[in-house]
Amino acid sequence: MMNDQSVRLDRMRFTKNTMSSRLVLLAIVFDAIYFVSLYKINVDFYYNMMMGASILYNLVFMLAAFLASEGVKNYRQNFSWVLCLLGAIQIARIFIWPVQAHQTTVTVAGTQLLAMSNGQFVRSVIYLVASAACLFVAAVVNFTKSRALKAHIAGLEGQKA
């Protein structure tokens, strides 16, 4: 007779990994909020080639993350590594725009101001860290579940032989 763990593992063969997939979609949402909050700032500091590269990266990130969310639905273990890479890049992004903009002063109407205010800086860091955290958790959940499912399927095939 099968125990609860075996039933749960056997059920995974027929269901999707929605937890990991939803976490990746949540990471995309946090990235989109970061995207909007960063690009709504109307300061000359932001108008350069790096901003264009940042916009392109955001588009590539969203596409790659969505593709990974579809991959983890089917318990594909390799997509865990993609999610870890995307999460690491999200952490590295903190040191590109937010830190640079927070350390730079600009003159607006004759007044020296930070290109990114303290509040905006904290929000930007929170959005990127939240996005990365969702990606890392989704990767761990997918890696764990896909290994368990693979072992379960191997056990079932061993019983048939």
Protein backbone atom coordinates (compact mmCIF):
# COMPACT_ATOMS: atom_id res chain seq x y z
CA MET A 1 0.00 0.00 0.00
CA MET A 2 1.27 3.49 -0.88
CA ASN A 3 1.93 6.04 1.81
CA ASP A 4 1.11 9.76 1.60
CA GLN A 5 4.58 10.70 0.34
CA SER A 6 4.37 8.19 -2.52
CA VAL A 7 0.92 9.43 -3.47
CA ARG A 8 2.14 13.03 -3.43
CA LEU A 9 5.14 12.13 -5.62
CA ASP A 10 3.02 10.07 -7.99
CA ARG A 11 0.55 12.93 -8.31
CA MET A 12 3.40 15.22 -9.43
CA ARG A 13 3.64 13.18 -12.64
CA PHE A 14 0.26 14.55 -13.68
CA THR A 15 0.27 18.07 -12.22
CA LYS A 16 2.29 21.19 -12.97
CA ASN A 17 4.81 22.86 -10.68
CA THR A 18 2.65 25.92 -10.14
CA MET A 19 4.45 27.16 -7.03
CA SER A 20 7.75 27.73 -8.84
CA SER A 21 6.00 29.13 -11.87
CA ARG A 22 4.01 31.63 -9.83
CA LEU A 23 7.10 32.73 -7.92
CA VAL A 24 8.84 33.47 -11.23
CA LEU A 25 5.83 35.45 -12.41
CA LEU A 26 5.92 37.38 -9.12
CA ALA A 27 9.61 38.12 -9.77
CA ILE A 28 8.60 39.55 -13.15
CA VAL A 29 6.00 41.74 -11.43
CA PHE A 30 8.62 43.09 -8.98
CA ASP A 31 10.95 43.77 -11.91
CA ALA A 32 8.18 45.60 -13.77
CA ILE A 33 7.48 47.76 -10.71
CA TYR A 34 11.21 48.53 -10.47
CA PHE A 35 11.25 49.29 -14.19
CA VAL A 36 8.38 51.78 -13.91
CA SER A 37 9.63 53.42 -10.72
CA LEU A 38 13.12 53.92 -12.12
CA TYR A 39 12.15 55.22 -15.53
CA LYS A 40 9.50 57.66 -14.33
CA ILE A 41 12.24 59.83 -12.80
CA ASN A 42 12.77 62.80 -15.08
CA VAL A 43 16.39 63.80 -14.46
CA ASP A 44 19.10 64.32 -17.10
CA PHE A 45 21.31 61.81 -15.29
CA TYR A 46 19.30 58.96 -16.76
CA TYR A 47 19.45 59.94 -20.43
CA ASN A 48 22.41 57.97 -21.78
CA MET A 49 23.34 54.71 -23.49
CA MET A 50 23.29 52.79 -20.24
CA MET A 51 19.59 53.54 -19.91
CA GLY A 52 18.98 52.04 -23.33
CA ALA A 53 20.96 48.96 -22.35
CA SER A 54 18.95 48.75 -19.12
CA ILE A 55 15.67 48.85 -21.03
CA LEU A 56 16.87 46.11 -23.38
CA TYR A 57 17.99 44.01 -20.42
CA ASN A 58 14.57 44.40 -18.77
CA LEU A 59 12.91 43.09 -21.91
CA VAL A 60 15.32 40.15 -22.15
CA PHE A 61 14.91 39.46 -18.41
CA MET A 62 11.13 39.36 -18.68
CA LEU A 63 11.24 37.05 -21.70
CA ALA A 64 13.82 34.72 -20.12
CA ALA A 65 11.97 34.64 -16.81
CA PHE A 66 8.68 33.86 -18.53
CA LEU A 67 10.32 31.07 -20.52
CA ALA A 68 11.80 29.71 -17.28
CA SER A 69 8.38 29.88 -15.60
CA GLU A 70 7.02 27.65 -18.35
CA GLY A 71 10.00 25.30 -18.02
CA VAL A 72 9.66 24.88 -14.27
CA LYS A 73 5.98 24.03 -14.67
CA ASN A 74 7.15 20.75 -16.18
CA TYR A 75 9.78 20.08 -13.49
CA ARG A 76 12.72 20.72 -15.82
CA GLN A 77 15.74 20.85 -13.54
CA ASN A 78 17.96 22.92 -15.87
CA PHE A 79 15.65 25.90 -15.55
CA SER A 80 16.62 26.09 -11.87
CA TRP A 81 20.09 27.19 -12.99
CA VAL A 82 18.58 29.80 -15.31
CA LEU A 83 16.56 31.17 -12.40
CA CYS A 84 19.67 31.31 -10.18
CA LEU A 85 21.53 33.23 -12.88
CA LEU A 86 18.66 35.68 -13.33
CA GLY A 87 18.44 36.14 -9.55
CA ALA A 88 22.17 36.86 -9.30
CA ILE A 89 21.89 39.43 -12.09
CA GLN A 90 18.99 41.09 -10.27
CA ILE A 91 21.20 41.46 -7.19
CA ALA A 92 24.06 42.83 -9.33
CA ARG A 93 21.68 45.39 -10.85
CA ILE A 94 21.38 47.10 -7.48
CA PHE A 95 24.94 48.36 -7.93
CA ILE A 96 24.34 49.69 -11.43
CA TRP A 97 21.45 52.18 -11.51
CA PRO A 98 20.21 52.58 -7.95
CA VAL A 99 23.63 52.96 -6.28
CA GLN A 100 25.05 55.20 -9.02
CA ALA A 101 21.96 57.41 -9.12
CA HIS A 102 21.82 57.62 -5.33
CA GLN A 103 25.45 58.78 -5.18
CA THR A 104 25.11 61.39 -7.96
CA THR A 105 23.85 64.93 -7.47
CA VAL A 106 22.09 66.91 -10.17
CA THR A 107 21.04 70.53 -10.37
CA VAL A 108 17.31 71.05 -10.69
CA ALA A 109 16.07 74.67 -10.75
CA GLY A 110 19.32 75.82 -9.17
CA THR A 111 19.14 73.30 -6.32
CA GLN A 112 21.54 70.38 -5.83
CA LEU A 113 19.57 67.15 -5.40
CA LEU A 114 20.36 63.45 -5.47
CA ALA A 115 19.49 61.94 -8.84
CA MET A 116 17.62 59.29 -6.86
CA SER A 117 16.12 60.21 -3.48
CA ASN A 118 16.62 58.07 -0.40
CA GLY A 119 13.08 56.72 -0.55
CA GLN A 120 13.33 55.89 -4.24
CA PHE A 121 16.67 54.17 -3.63
CA VAL A 122 15.26 52.00 -0.84
CA ARG A 123 12.21 51.07 -2.94
CA SER A 124 14.38 50.19 -5.93
CA VAL A 125 16.60 47.96 -3.82
CA ILE A 126 13.56 46.28 -2.25
CA TYR A 127 12.03 45.57 -5.68
CA LEU A 128 15.24 44.04 -7.02
CA VAL A 129 15.89 41.99 -3.86
CA ALA A 130 12.28 40.76 -3.84
CA SER A 131 12.57 39.79 -7.50
CA ALA A 132 15.83 37.93 -6.85
CA ALA A 133 14.41 36.22 -3.75
CA CYS A 134 11.42 34.95 -5.72
CA LEU A 135 13.75 33.61 -8.41
CA PHE A 136 16.03 31.87 -5.89
CA VAL A 137 13.12 30.29 -4.00
CA ALA A 138 11.52 29.16 -7.27
CA ALA A 139 14.84 27.60 -8.32
CA VAL A 140 15.23 25.70 -5.03
CA VAL A 141 11.62 24.49 -5.07
CA ASN A 142 11.90 23.36 -8.68
CA PHE A 143 15.26 21.67 -8.12
CA THR A 144 13.94 19.80 -5.08
CA LYS A 145 10.68 18.75 -6.69
CA SER A 146 12.25 17.74 -10.00
CA ARG A 147 14.86 15.56 -8.25
CA ALA A 148 12.17 13.91 -6.12
CA LEU A 149 10.00 13.28 -9.16
CA LYS A 150 12.92 11.88 -11.15
CA ALA A 151 13.80 9.50 -8.30
CA HIS A 152 10.15 8.47 -7.95
CA ILE A 153 9.84 7.72 -11.67
CA ALA A 154 13.10 5.73 -11.57
CA GLY A 155 11.68 3.74 -8.64
CA LEU A 156 8.48 3.03 -10.55
CA GLU A 157 10.45 1.83 -13.55
CA GLY A 158 12.55 -0.37 -11.24
CA GLN A 159 9.37 -1.97 -9.88
CA LYS A 160 8.18 -2.80 -13.39
CA ALA A 161 11.36 -4.67 -14.24
